[in-house]
N, C-alpha and C. Protein backbone atom coordinates (compact mmCIF):
# COMPACT_ATOMS: atom_id res chain seq x y z
N MET A 1 121.02 -52.46 -252.92
CA MET A 1 119.69 -52.50 -253.13
C MET A 1 118.78 -52.58 -252.12
N LEU A 2 119.18 -54.10 -251.62
CA LEU A 2 118.50 -54.22 -250.25
C LEU A 2 118.26 -52.67 -249.10
N LYS A 3 119.88 -52.23 -249.05
CA LYS A 3 119.71 -51.17 -248.36
C LYS A 3 119.00 -50.31 -248.51
N LEU A 4 118.88 -50.16 -249.65
CA LEU A 4 117.97 -48.99 -250.44
C LEU A 4 116.49 -49.27 -249.80
N VAL A 5 116.18 -50.02 -250.18
CA VAL A 5 114.45 -50.98 -250.27
C VAL A 5 114.34 -50.56 -248.49
N PHE A 6 115.21 -50.68 -247.93
CA PHE A 6 115.23 -51.02 -246.58
C PHE A 6 115.03 -49.51 -245.78
N THR A 7 115.84 -48.82 -246.14
CA THR A 7 115.66 -47.53 -245.98
C THR A 7 114.61 -46.48 -246.44
N VAL A 8 114.39 -47.02 -247.68
CA VAL A 8 112.51 -46.31 -248.19
C VAL A 8 111.48 -46.68 -246.89
N ALA A 9 111.79 -48.08 -246.56
CA ALA A 9 110.95 -48.49 -245.87
C ALA A 9 111.06 -47.96 -244.15
N VAL A 10 111.59 -47.78 -244.04
CA VAL A 10 111.86 -46.94 -242.99
C VAL A 10 111.42 -45.66 -242.77
N LEU A 11 112.15 -44.76 -244.11
CA LEU A 11 111.23 -43.39 -243.90
C LEU A 11 109.40 -43.06 -244.46
N VAL A 12 109.37 -44.20 -244.57
CA VAL A 12 108.10 -44.00 -244.96
C VAL A 12 106.75 -44.31 -243.61
N VAL A 13 107.80 -45.32 -242.68
CA VAL A 13 107.21 -45.77 -241.57
C VAL A 13 106.95 -44.58 -240.54
N ILE A 14 108.59 -43.70 -240.85
CA ILE A 14 108.56 -42.46 -239.48
C ILE A 14 107.55 -41.09 -240.03
N TYR A 15 106.78 -41.61 -241.46
CA TYR A 15 106.75 -40.62 -242.04
C TYR A 15 104.83 -40.69 -241.91
N PHE A 16 104.19 -41.75 -241.72
CA PHE A 16 103.17 -41.92 -241.04
C PHE A 16 102.97 -41.90 -240.20
N ILE A 17 104.13 -42.17 -238.65
CA ILE A 17 104.31 -41.90 -237.39
C ILE A 17 103.81 -40.79 -237.33
N PHE A 18 105.33 -39.79 -237.71
CA PHE A 18 105.26 -38.73 -237.12
C PHE A 18 104.37 -37.61 -237.74
N PHE A 19 104.23 -37.59 -239.59
CA PHE A 19 104.16 -36.08 -239.87
C PHE A 19 102.49 -36.30 -240.49
N LYS A 20 102.10 -37.60 -240.94
CA LYS A 20 100.97 -37.85 -241.29
C LYS A 20 99.98 -37.54 -240.58
N LYS A 21 99.17 -36.60 -240.57
CA LYS A 21 97.92 -36.22 -239.69
C LYS A 21 96.53 -37.29 -240.19
N LYS A 22 95.89 -37.32 -238.97
CA LYS A 22 94.67 -38.42 -239.46
C LYS A 22 93.60 -37.03 -239.50
N LYS A 23 92.57 -37.49 -240.47
CA LYS A 23 91.10 -36.71 -241.10
C LYS A 23 90.43 -36.81 -239.68
N PRO A 24 89.71 -35.97 -239.29
CA PRO A 24 88.64 -36.42 -238.13
C PRO A 24 87.69 -37.24 -238.76
N LYS A 25 87.21 -37.45 -238.51
CA LYS A 25 85.71 -39.15 -239.02
C LYS A 25 85.08 -37.96 -238.39
N VAL A 26 83.62 -37.90 -239.80
CA VAL A 26 82.38 -37.24 -239.91
C VAL A 26 81.45 -38.48 -239.73
N GLY A 27 80.74 -38.73 -238.69
CA GLY A 27 79.65 -39.66 -239.09
C GLY A 27 78.37 -39.13 -238.46
N LYS A 28 76.95 -40.03 -238.75
CA LYS A 28 76.03 -39.49 -238.26
C LYS A 28 75.69 -39.61 -236.70
N ASN A 29 76.30 -40.73 -235.98
CA ASN A 29 76.57 -41.15 -235.18
C ASN A 29 77.49 -40.36 -233.76
N GLU A 30 78.29 -39.67 -234.66
CA GLU A 30 79.32 -38.86 -233.68
C GLU A 30 78.65 -37.55 -232.63
N GLN A 31 78.68 -37.28 -231.99
CA GLN A 31 78.85 -36.68 -231.18
C GLN A 31 79.19 -35.28 -230.87
N SER A 32 78.22 -34.22 -231.03
CA SER A 32 78.48 -33.01 -231.61
C SER A 32 79.02 -32.60 -229.94
N THR A 33 80.19 -31.33 -230.04
CA THR A 33 81.24 -31.23 -229.03
C THR A 33 80.44 -29.17 -228.67
N GLU A 34 79.39 -29.27 -228.78
CA GLU A 34 79.10 -27.91 -228.85
C GLU A 34 78.63 -27.80 -227.48
N ASP A 35 78.71 -26.55 -226.68
CA ASP A 35 78.34 -26.13 -225.28
C ASP A 35 76.66 -25.94 -225.05
N MET A 36 76.61 -26.62 -224.20
CA MET A 36 75.23 -26.50 -223.66
C MET A 36 75.14 -26.42 -222.29
N VAL A 37 73.86 -25.33 -221.62
CA VAL A 37 73.24 -24.22 -220.84
C VAL A 37 72.17 -24.98 -220.75
N GLU A 38 71.92 -24.85 -218.95
CA GLU A 38 70.63 -25.45 -218.64
C GLU A 38 69.52 -24.25 -218.46
N CYS A 39 68.54 -24.43 -218.59
CA CYS A 39 67.39 -23.22 -218.32
C CYS A 39 67.25 -22.64 -217.34
N SER A 40 67.69 -21.82 -216.96
CA SER A 40 67.32 -21.15 -215.54
C SER A 40 66.07 -20.89 -214.91
N LYS A 41 64.88 -21.69 -215.72
CA LYS A 41 63.13 -21.36 -215.61
C LYS A 41 62.77 -22.80 -215.66
N CYS A 42 63.00 -23.73 -216.43
CA CYS A 42 62.44 -24.55 -216.97
C CYS A 42 63.53 -25.99 -216.60
N GLY A 43 64.97 -26.23 -216.46
CA GLY A 43 66.03 -26.77 -216.40
C GLY A 43 66.27 -27.71 -218.10
N VAL A 44 65.61 -27.62 -218.73
CA VAL A 44 66.00 -28.20 -220.27
C VAL A 44 67.39 -27.32 -220.81
N TYR A 45 68.30 -28.41 -221.28
CA TYR A 45 68.89 -28.22 -221.61
C TYR A 45 69.03 -27.42 -223.41
N THR A 46 70.19 -26.59 -223.48
CA THR A 46 70.00 -25.95 -225.05
C THR A 46 71.13 -25.38 -225.49
N SER A 47 71.84 -25.83 -226.80
CA SER A 47 73.21 -25.09 -226.86
C SER A 47 73.22 -23.45 -226.97
N ILE A 48 74.14 -23.60 -226.23
CA ILE A 48 74.42 -21.90 -226.09
C ILE A 48 74.05 -21.01 -226.83
N GLU A 49 74.77 -21.33 -228.21
CA GLU A 49 73.92 -20.98 -229.59
C GLU A 49 73.05 -20.42 -229.70
N GLU A 50 71.85 -21.13 -229.20
CA GLU A 50 70.11 -21.17 -229.20
C GLU A 50 69.86 -20.42 -228.11
N ALA A 51 70.33 -20.62 -227.33
CA ALA A 51 69.92 -19.88 -225.47
C ALA A 51 69.85 -18.78 -225.98
N TYR A 52 68.72 -17.86 -224.88
CA TYR A 52 69.03 -16.86 -224.51
C TYR A 52 69.06 -16.56 -223.34
N ILE A 53 69.96 -14.82 -223.45
CA ILE A 53 70.85 -14.15 -221.81
C ILE A 53 69.92 -13.32 -221.59
N SER A 54 69.58 -13.71 -220.46
CA SER A 54 68.66 -12.26 -219.09
C SER A 54 69.20 -12.16 -218.49
N SER A 55 70.01 -10.82 -217.75
CA SER A 55 70.96 -10.92 -216.70
C SER A 55 71.48 -12.12 -216.02
N GLY A 56 72.24 -12.65 -217.18
CA GLY A 56 73.17 -13.49 -217.26
C GLY A 56 72.70 -14.85 -216.55
N LYS A 57 71.53 -14.99 -216.74
CA LYS A 57 71.08 -16.62 -217.12
C LYS A 57 70.60 -16.71 -218.43
N TYR A 58 70.49 -17.84 -218.39
CA TYR A 58 70.01 -18.59 -219.65
C TYR A 58 68.31 -19.22 -219.78
N TYR A 59 67.93 -18.67 -220.87
CA TYR A 59 66.84 -19.46 -221.00
C TYR A 59 66.64 -20.21 -222.48
N CYS A 60 65.79 -21.22 -222.60
CA CYS A 60 65.47 -22.28 -223.93
C CYS A 60 64.79 -21.70 -224.32
N SER A 61 63.90 -20.45 -224.09
CA SER A 61 62.93 -19.71 -224.93
C SER A 61 63.16 -18.53 -225.01
N LYS A 62 61.80 -18.23 -225.29
CA LYS A 62 61.07 -16.97 -225.55
C LYS A 62 60.30 -17.23 -224.60
N GLU A 63 59.57 -18.01 -224.32
CA GLU A 63 58.55 -18.07 -223.17
C GLU A 63 58.74 -18.02 -222.27
N CYS A 64 59.92 -19.04 -221.69
CA CYS A 64 60.58 -19.04 -220.50
C CYS A 64 61.75 -17.82 -219.52
N LEU A 65 62.02 -16.98 -220.82
CA LEU A 65 62.23 -15.69 -220.50
C LEU A 65 61.39 -14.61 -220.07
N ARG A 66 60.13 -14.63 -220.97
CA ARG A 66 59.16 -13.97 -220.71
C ARG A 66 58.57 -14.55 -219.01
N LEU A 67 58.38 -16.04 -218.83
CA LEU A 67 57.65 -16.11 -217.92
C LEU A 67 58.68 -16.30 -216.27
N LYS A 68 60.21 -15.79 -216.51
CA LYS A 68 61.25 -15.43 -215.39
C LYS A 68 60.31 -14.67 -213.85
């Protein structure tokens, strides 16, 4: 009986070490891994999804794009 309990305990430990995937923690203080680019006109950093691109350069707003 003791061998069975020990074997099950070892298998559970092996499962948690090798097969259990950790869930990513999502919290308010967690930093985003979003790519940031610098505006070619004013130097402000903005996310690449929100940036405007013209002639291979990134701009933070339409105003900076107009003033290039």
